[in-house]
Amino acid sequence: MDLSRRAQIILAKLQDHNTKLGDIRIIAKDLKKDHELAMELWSSNFFFAQQLAILIMDKKYLSEDVIDKLINDMNRHSEKEKLQLVDWLMANQLTKDKKTIAVIELWKDSPNSLKRRIYWYYQARLRWMGKPQAGSEILLSAIEKQIENEEPHVQWAMNFTAGWIGVYEKNYRNRCIALGEKTGLYKGKMVSKGCTPEYLPEFIAIESNKRNL
């Protein structure tokens, strides 16, 4: 796609090596919603431009075909950038509308691993604010069955979901702790100061103690 002059100017600004996430948010706030411009910026395949594009997309144009294209395009990036983009799309667009949430809820067994990550990360996000959610038994059973054979980026989201189930739902806590002990996922992994370890026995103990649960 040939970029308009406006898109070229924005892209040049984003290509500064000192560009930060806060800069992208400021630009998005100034631009407001502009789906046509978003698709132009997305077509550049430039990471920062695609982050900006996600922020200014109009969710009413996010059909399943468009979402599929966006997710497939992410595979052109490194693993780190790909996961940042897919999580960004989920948080800033896909969870903002009942129509796209309904699509997410169909992705539990999708052949596309990025869609499965979105599904499980969405389930975790539903739970981390402590609001009661139905279906935790079914989710936990699926995690126990599948997590050890999943792609690493899906394992992380499944583990995160199990963590919040274990924090807020005491009847599943021992089961979630046992899952972490069995898989050993993230045991001994160093985390940044102020962050909670991802190993389930530690995560559940720390986060439940914080909340006096």
C-alpha atoms as a PDB file:
ATOM      1  CA  MET A   1       0.000   0.000   0.000  1.00  0.00           C
ATOM      2  CA  ASP A   2       1.290   3.468  -0.929  1.00  0.00           C
ATOM      3  CA  LEU A   3       1.222   5.627   2.177  1.00  0.00           C
ATOM      4  CA  SER A   4      -0.442   9.018   2.222  1.00  0.00           C
ATOM      5  CA  ARG A   5       1.686  12.045   3.051  1.00  0.00           C
ATOM      6  CA  ARG A   6       0.123  12.150   6.509  1.00  0.00           C
ATOM      7  CA  ALA A   7       0.993   8.514   7.201  1.00  0.00           C
ATOM      8  CA  GLN A   8       4.550   9.067   5.934  1.00  0.00           C
ATOM      9  CA  ILE A   9       5.061  11.974   8.345  1.00  0.00           C
ATOM     10  CA  ILE A  10       3.795   9.936  11.299  1.00  0.00           C
ATOM     11  CA  LEU A  11       5.913   6.951  10.296  1.00  0.00           C
ATOM     12  CA  ALA A  12       9.037   9.118  10.086  1.00  0.00           C
ATOM     13  CA  LYS A  13       8.332  10.421  13.593  1.00  0.00           C
ATOM     14  CA  LEU A  14       7.921   6.880  14.927  1.00  0.00           C
ATOM     15  CA  GLN A  15      11.184   5.703  13.372  1.00  0.00           C
ATOM     16  CA  ASP A  16      13.162   7.748  15.858  1.00  0.00           C
ATOM     17  CA  HIS A  17      15.174   5.228  17.908  1.00  0.00           C
ATOM     18  CA  ASN A  18      14.144   7.007  21.107  1.00  0.00           C
ATOM     19  CA  THR A  19      10.417   6.356  20.558  1.00  0.00           C
ATOM     20  CA  LYS A  20       8.733   5.104  23.734  1.00  0.00           C
ATOM     21  CA  LEU A  21       5.322   3.682  24.491  1.00  0.00           C
ATOM     22  CA  GLY A  22       4.274   6.942  26.111  1.00  0.00           C
ATOM     23  CA  ASP A  23       5.096   8.783  22.868  1.00  0.00           C
ATOM     24  CA  ILE A  24       2.824   6.423  20.934  1.00  0.00           C
ATOM     25  CA  ARG A  25      -0.032   7.019  23.362  1.00  0.00           C
ATOM     26  CA  ILE A  26       0.365  10.803  23.041  1.00  0.00           C
ATOM     27  CA  ILE A  27       0.267  10.613  19.236  1.00  0.00           C
ATOM     28  CA  ALA A  28      -2.796   8.358  19.383  1.00  0.00           C
ATOM     29  CA  LYS A  29      -4.570  10.796  21.691  1.00  0.00           C
ATOM     30  CA  ASP A  30      -3.959  13.599  19.198  1.00  0.00           C
ATOM     31  CA  LEU A  31      -5.041  11.538  16.186  1.00  0.00           C
ATOM     32  CA  LYS A  32      -8.129  10.036  17.838  1.00  0.00           C
ATOM     33  CA  LYS A  33      -9.973   7.240  16.050  1.00  0.00           C
ATOM     34  CA  ASP A  34      -8.997   6.962  12.385  1.00  0.00           C
ATOM     35  CA  HIS A  35      -9.392   3.490  10.937  1.00  0.00           C
ATOM     36  CA  GLU A  36      -8.196   4.350   7.436  1.00  0.00           C
ATOM     37  CA  LEU A  37      -4.972   5.859   8.794  1.00  0.00           C
ATOM     38  CA  ALA A  38      -4.602   2.894  11.140  1.00  0.00           C
ATOM     39  CA  MET A  39      -4.680   0.463   8.226  1.00  0.00           C
ATOM     40  CA  GLU A  40      -2.100   2.543   6.360  1.00  0.00           C
ATOM     41  CA  LEU A  41       0.238   2.508   9.337  1.00  0.00           C
ATOM     42  CA  TRP A  42      -0.369  -1.201   9.867  1.00  0.00           C
ATOM     43  CA  SER A  43       0.630  -1.944   6.268  1.00  0.00           C
ATOM     44  CA  SER A  44       4.118  -0.520   6.942  1.00  0.00           C
ATOM     45  CA  ASN A  45       4.907  -3.619   9.075  1.00  0.00           C
ATOM     46  CA  PHE A  46       6.881  -1.315  11.381  1.00  0.00           C
ATOM     47  CA  PHE A  47       6.439  -2.310  15.017  1.00  0.00           C
ATOM     48  CA  PHE A  48       5.813   1.146  16.527  1.00  0.00           C
ATOM     49  CA  ALA A  49       3.504   2.078  13.657  1.00  0.00           C
ATOM     50  CA  GLN A  50       1.460  -1.056  14.241  1.00  0.00           C
ATOM     51  CA  GLN A  51       1.227  -0.303  17.968  1.00  0.00           C
ATOM     52  CA  LEU A  52      -0.104   3.145  17.088  1.00  0.00           C
ATOM     53  CA  ALA A  53      -2.459   1.644  14.498  1.00  0.00           C
ATOM     54  CA  ILE A  54      -4.029  -0.591  17.138  1.00  0.00           C
ATOM     55  CA  LEU A  55      -4.780   2.422  19.334  1.00  0.00           C
ATOM     56  CA  ILE A  56      -6.570   4.385  16.595  1.00  0.00           C
ATOM     57  CA  MET A  57      -8.485   1.545  14.928  1.00  0.00           C
ATOM     58  CA  ASP A  58     -12.280   1.697  14.932  1.00  0.00           C
ATOM     59  CA  LYS A  59     -13.555  -1.519  16.511  1.00  0.00           C
ATOM     60  CA  LYS A  60     -16.711  -1.508  14.425  1.00  0.00           C
ATOM     61  CA  TYR A  61     -14.574  -2.389  11.394  1.00  0.00           C
ATOM     62  CA  LEU A  62     -12.813  -5.280  13.103  1.00  0.00           C
ATOM     63  CA  SER A  63     -14.509  -8.192  11.348  1.00  0.00           C
ATOM     64  CA  GLU A  64     -13.174 -11.710  11.857  1.00  0.00           C
ATOM     65  CA  ASP A  65     -11.398 -11.481   8.487  1.00  0.00           C
ATOM     66  CA  VAL A  66      -9.658  -8.244   9.501  1.00  0.00           C
ATOM     67  CA  ILE A  67      -8.673  -9.684  12.880  1.00  0.00           C
ATOM     68  CA  ASP A  68      -7.275 -12.783  11.153  1.00  0.00           C
ATOM     69  CA  LYS A  69      -5.147 -10.607   8.885  1.00  0.00           C
ATOM     70  CA  LEU A  70      -3.819  -8.547  11.789  1.00  0.00           C
ATOM     71  CA  ILE A  71      -2.858 -11.664  13.744  1.00  0.00           C
ATOM     72  CA  ASN A  72      -1.251 -13.326  10.729  1.00  0.00           C
ATOM     73  CA  ASP A  73       0.770 -10.180   9.996  1.00  0.00           C
ATOM     74  CA  MET A  74       2.193 -10.281  13.530  1.00  0.00           C
ATOM     75  CA  ASN A  75       4.119 -13.435  12.643  1.00  0.00           C
ATOM     76  CA  ARG A  76       6.520 -11.275  10.632  1.00  0.00           C
ATOM     77  CA  HIS A  77       7.920  -9.893  13.875  1.00  0.00           C
ATOM     78  CA  SER A  78      10.278 -11.299  16.471  1.00  0.00           C
ATOM     79  CA  GLU A  79       8.683 -13.352  19.253  1.00  0.00           C
ATOM     80  CA  LYS A  80       8.890 -10.440  21.701  1.00  0.00           C
ATOM     81  CA  GLU A  81       7.308  -7.911  19.326  1.00  0.00           C
ATOM     82  CA  LYS A  82       4.669 -10.396  18.131  1.00  0.00           C
ATOM     83  CA  LEU A  83       3.476 -11.031  21.682  1.00  0.00           C
ATOM     84  CA  GLN A  84       3.482  -7.330  22.528  1.00  0.00           C
ATOM     85  CA  LEU A  85       1.297  -6.653  19.487  1.00  0.00           C
ATOM     86  CA  VAL A  86      -1.169  -9.472  20.130  1.00  0.00           C
ATOM     87  CA  ASP A  87      -1.565  -8.502  23.798  1.00  0.00           C
ATOM     88  CA  TRP A  88      -1.932  -4.845  22.790  1.00  0.00           C
ATOM     89  CA  LEU A  89      -4.646  -5.749  20.259  1.00  0.00           C
ATOM     90  CA  MET A  90      -6.518  -7.778  22.861  1.00  0.00           C
ATOM     91  CA  ALA A  91      -6.350  -5.131  25.586  1.00  0.00           C
ATOM     92  CA  ASN A  92      -7.042  -2.067  23.461  1.00  0.00           C
ATOM     93  CA  GLN A  93      -9.535  -3.394  20.908  1.00  0.00           C
ATOM     94  CA  LEU A  94     -10.803  -6.962  21.177  1.00  0.00           C
ATOM     95  CA  THR A  95     -12.007  -6.732  24.782  1.00  0.00           C
ATOM     96  CA  LYS A  96     -13.813  -3.419  24.209  1.00  0.00           C
ATOM     97  CA  ASP A  97     -16.804  -4.761  22.296  1.00  0.00           C
ATOM     98  CA  LYS A  98     -19.250  -7.609  22.911  1.00  0.00           C
ATOM     99  CA  LYS A  99     -18.948  -8.703  19.288  1.00  0.00           C
ATOM    100  CA  THR A 100     -15.184  -9.234  19.449  1.00  0.00           C
ATOM    101  CA  ILE A 101     -15.372 -10.745  22.943  1.00  0.00           C
ATOM    102  CA  ALA A 102     -17.736 -13.336  21.480  1.00  0.00           C
ATOM    103  CA  VAL A 103     -15.082 -14.111  18.863  1.00  0.00           C
ATOM    104  CA  ILE A 104     -12.350 -14.463  21.532  1.00  0.00           C
ATOM    105  CA  GLU A 105     -14.508 -16.960  23.396  1.00  0.00           C
ATOM    106  CA  LEU A 106     -14.381 -19.280  20.371  1.00  0.00           C
ATOM    107  CA  TRP A 107     -10.574 -19.440  20.345  1.00  0.00           C
ATOM    108  CA  LYS A 108      -9.886 -21.880  23.190  1.00  0.00           C
ATOM    109  CA  ASP A 109      -8.997 -24.676  20.745  1.00  0.00           C
ATOM    110  CA  SER A 110      -8.025 -22.530  17.748  1.00  0.00           C
ATOM    111  CA  PRO A 111      -5.262 -23.961  15.518  1.00  0.00           C
ATOM    112  CA  ASN A 112      -3.643 -20.508  15.743  1.00  0.00           C
ATOM    113  CA  SER A 113      -1.500 -20.299  18.886  1.00  0.00           C
ATOM    114  CA  LEU A 114      -1.772 -16.499  19.094  1.00  0.00           C
ATOM    115  CA  LYS A 115      -5.551 -16.796  19.226  1.00  0.00           C
ATOM    116  CA  ARG A 116      -5.244 -19.386  21.989  1.00  0.00           C
ATOM    117  CA  ARG A 117      -2.994 -17.004  23.896  1.00  0.00           C
ATOM    118  CA  ILE A 118      -5.611 -14.248  23.558  1.00  0.00           C
ATOM    119  CA  TYR A 119      -8.320 -16.610  24.814  1.00  0.00           C
ATOM    120  CA  TRP A 120      -6.384 -17.607  27.923  1.00  0.00           C
ATOM    121  CA  TYR A 121      -5.027 -14.136  28.663  1.00  0.00           C
ATOM    122  CA  TYR A 122      -8.578 -12.803  28.421  1.00  0.00           C
ATOM    123  CA  GLN A 123      -9.735 -15.411  30.945  1.00  0.00           C
ATOM    124  CA  ALA A 124      -6.959 -14.320  33.301  1.00  0.00           C
ATOM    125  CA  ARG A 125      -7.888 -10.654  32.917  1.00  0.00           C
ATOM    126  CA  LEU A 126     -11.501 -11.432  33.769  1.00  0.00           C
ATOM    127  CA  ARG A 127     -10.349 -12.911  37.062  1.00  0.00           C
ATOM    128  CA  TRP A 128      -7.515 -10.720  38.296  1.00  0.00           C
ATOM    129  CA  MET A 129      -9.897  -7.993  39.508  1.00  0.00           C
ATOM    130  CA  GLY A 130     -11.537 -10.525  41.810  1.00  0.00           C
ATOM    131  CA  LYS A 131     -14.959 -10.586  40.144  1.00  0.00           C
ATOM    132  CA  PRO A 132     -16.599 -14.034  40.358  1.00  0.00           C
ATOM    133  CA  GLN A 133     -16.515 -15.816  37.005  1.00  0.00           C
ATOM    134  CA  ALA A 134     -18.315 -18.944  35.894  1.00  0.00           C
ATOM    135  CA  GLY A 135     -16.543 -21.869  34.306  1.00  0.00           C
ATOM    136  CA  SER A 136     -13.333 -22.033  36.324  1.00  0.00           C
ATOM    137  CA  GLU A 137     -13.656 -25.804  36.807  1.00  0.00           C
ATOM    138  CA  ILE A 138     -13.817 -26.335  33.032  1.00  0.00           C
ATOM    139  CA  LEU A 139     -10.910 -23.974  32.426  1.00  0.00           C
ATOM    140  CA  LEU A 140      -8.743 -25.541  35.099  1.00  0.00           C
ATOM    141  CA  SER A 141      -9.415 -29.042  33.788  1.00  0.00           C
ATOM    142  CA  ALA A 142      -8.393 -27.894  30.287  1.00  0.00           C
ATOM    143  CA  ILE A 143      -5.229 -26.269  31.631  1.00  0.00           C
ATOM    144  CA  GLU A 144      -4.257 -29.402  33.554  1.00  0.00           C
ATOM    145  CA  LYS A 145      -4.743 -31.486  30.422  1.00  0.00           C
ATOM    146  CA  GLN A 146      -3.079 -29.225  27.860  1.00  0.00           C
ATOM    147  CA  ILE A 147      -0.540 -26.869  29.424  1.00  0.00           C
ATOM    148  CA  GLU A 148       2.503 -29.129  29.282  1.00  0.00           C
ATOM    149  CA  ASN A 149       2.066 -29.664  25.529  1.00  0.00           C
ATOM    150  CA  GLU A 150       1.277 -26.052  24.631  1.00  0.00           C
ATOM    151  CA  GLU A 151       3.399 -23.419  22.915  1.00  0.00           C
ATOM    152  CA  PRO A 152       5.397 -21.410  25.496  1.00  0.00           C
ATOM    153  CA  HIS A 153       3.474 -18.179  24.831  1.00  0.00           C
ATOM    154  CA  VAL A 154       0.173 -20.008  25.385  1.00  0.00           C
ATOM    155  CA  GLN A 155       1.546 -21.793  28.470  1.00  0.00           C
ATOM    156  CA  TRP A 156       2.242 -18.388  30.016  1.00  0.00           C
ATOM    157  CA  ALA A 157      -1.382 -17.252  29.577  1.00  0.00           C
ATOM    158  CA  MET A 158      -2.766 -20.567  30.837  1.00  0.00           C
ATOM    159  CA  ASN A 159      -0.484 -20.396  33.865  1.00  0.00           C
ATOM    160  CA  PHE A 160      -1.605 -16.808  34.516  1.00  0.00           C
ATOM    161  CA  THR A 161      -5.247 -17.893  34.410  1.00  0.00           C
ATOM    162  CA  ALA A 162      -4.590 -20.757  36.832  1.00  0.00           C
ATOM    163  CA  GLY A 163      -2.788 -18.306  39.105  1.00  0.00           C
ATOM    164  CA  TRP A 164      -5.772 -15.990  39.447  1.00  0.00           C
ATOM    165  CA  ILE A 165      -8.176 -18.894  39.854  1.00  0.00           C
ATOM    166  CA  GLY A 166      -5.973 -20.075  42.722  1.00  0.00           C
ATOM    167  CA  VAL A 167      -5.846 -16.624  44.288  1.00  0.00           C
ATOM    168  CA  TYR A 168      -9.574 -15.866  44.309  1.00  0.00           C
ATOM    169  CA  GLU A 169     -11.221 -19.283  44.345  1.00  0.00           C
ATOM    170  CA  LYS A 170     -10.116 -21.085  47.496  1.00  0.00           C
ATOM    171  CA  ASN A 171     -11.813 -24.323  46.526  1.00  0.00           C
ATOM    172  CA  TYR A 172      -9.363 -24.613  43.603  1.00  0.00           C
ATOM    173  CA  ARG A 173      -6.276 -23.203  45.359  1.00  0.00           C
ATOM    174  CA  ASN A 174      -4.587 -26.470  46.299  1.00  0.00           C
ATOM    175  CA  ARG A 175      -5.278 -27.832  42.843  1.00  0.00           C
ATOM    176  CA  CYS A 176      -3.651 -24.803  41.195  1.00  0.00           C
ATOM    177  CA  ILE A 177      -0.640 -25.039  43.503  1.00  0.00           C
ATOM    178  CA  ALA A 178      -0.309 -28.745  42.698  1.00  0.00           C
ATOM    179  CA  LEU A 179      -0.445 -27.902  38.986  1.00  0.00           C
ATOM    180  CA  GLY A 180       2.494 -25.539  39.394  1.00  0.00           C
ATOM    181  CA  GLU A 181       4.469 -28.121  41.349  1.00  0.00           C
ATOM    182  CA  LYS A 182       3.784 -30.745  38.678  1.00  0.00           C
ATOM    183  CA  THR A 183       4.732 -28.621  35.666  1.00  0.00           C
ATOM    184  CA  GLY A 184       7.539 -26.682  37.355  1.00  0.00           C
ATOM    185  CA  LEU A 185       6.817 -23.797  34.980  1.00  0.00           C
ATOM    186  CA  TYR A 186       8.771 -20.635  35.891  1.00  0.00           C
ATOM    187  CA  LYS A 187      10.233 -22.184  39.061  1.00  0.00           C
ATOM    188  CA  GLY A 188      13.361 -20.244  39.956  1.00  0.00           C
ATOM    189  CA  LYS A 189      12.788 -17.636  37.235  1.00  0.00           C
ATOM    190  CA  MET A 190      14.058 -14.221  38.290  1.00  0.00           C
ATOM    191  CA  VAL A 191      11.586 -11.345  38.140  1.00  0.00           C
ATOM    192  CA  SER A 192      12.021  -7.578  38.250  1.00  0.00           C
ATOM    193  CA  LYS A 193      11.793  -5.762  41.562  1.00  0.00           C
ATOM    194  CA  GLY A 194       8.160  -5.343  42.602  1.00  0.00           C
ATOM    195  CA  CYS A 195       6.920  -8.100  40.309  1.00  0.00           C
ATOM    196  CA  THR A 196       5.393 -11.357  41.502  1.00  0.00           C
ATOM    197  CA  PRO A 197       7.088 -14.674  40.574  1.00  0.00           C
ATOM    198  CA  GLU A 198       5.152 -16.618  37.955  1.00  0.00           C
ATOM    199  CA  TYR A 199       5.704 -20.036  39.570  1.00  0.00           C
ATOM    200  CA  LEU A 200       2.186 -20.914  40.709  1.00  0.00           C
ATOM    201  CA  PRO A 201       2.873 -21.873  44.368  1.00  0.00           C
ATOM    202  CA  GLU A 202       4.722 -18.567  44.896  1.00  0.00           C
ATOM    203  CA  PHE A 203       2.334 -16.472  42.809  1.00  0.00           C
ATOM    204  CA  ILE A 204      -0.758 -17.745  44.604  1.00  0.00           C
ATOM    205  CA  ALA A 205       0.792 -17.377  48.070  1.00  0.00           C
ATOM    206  CA  ILE A 206       1.984 -13.808  47.462  1.00  0.00           C
ATOM    207  CA  GLU A 207      -1.114 -12.499  45.673  1.00  0.00           C
ATOM    208  CA  SER A 208      -3.595 -14.126  48.085  1.00  0.00           C
ATOM    209  CA  ASN A 209      -1.657 -12.792  51.100  1.00  0.00           C
ATOM    210  CA  LYS A 210      -1.728  -9.282  49.617  1.00  0.00           C
ATOM    211  CA  ARG A 211      -5.517  -9.504  49.567  1.00  0.00           C
ATOM    212  CA  ASN A 212      -5.908 -11.337  52.878  1.00  0.00           C
ATOM    213  CA  LEU A 213      -7.641 -14.156  51.050  1.00  0.00           C
END
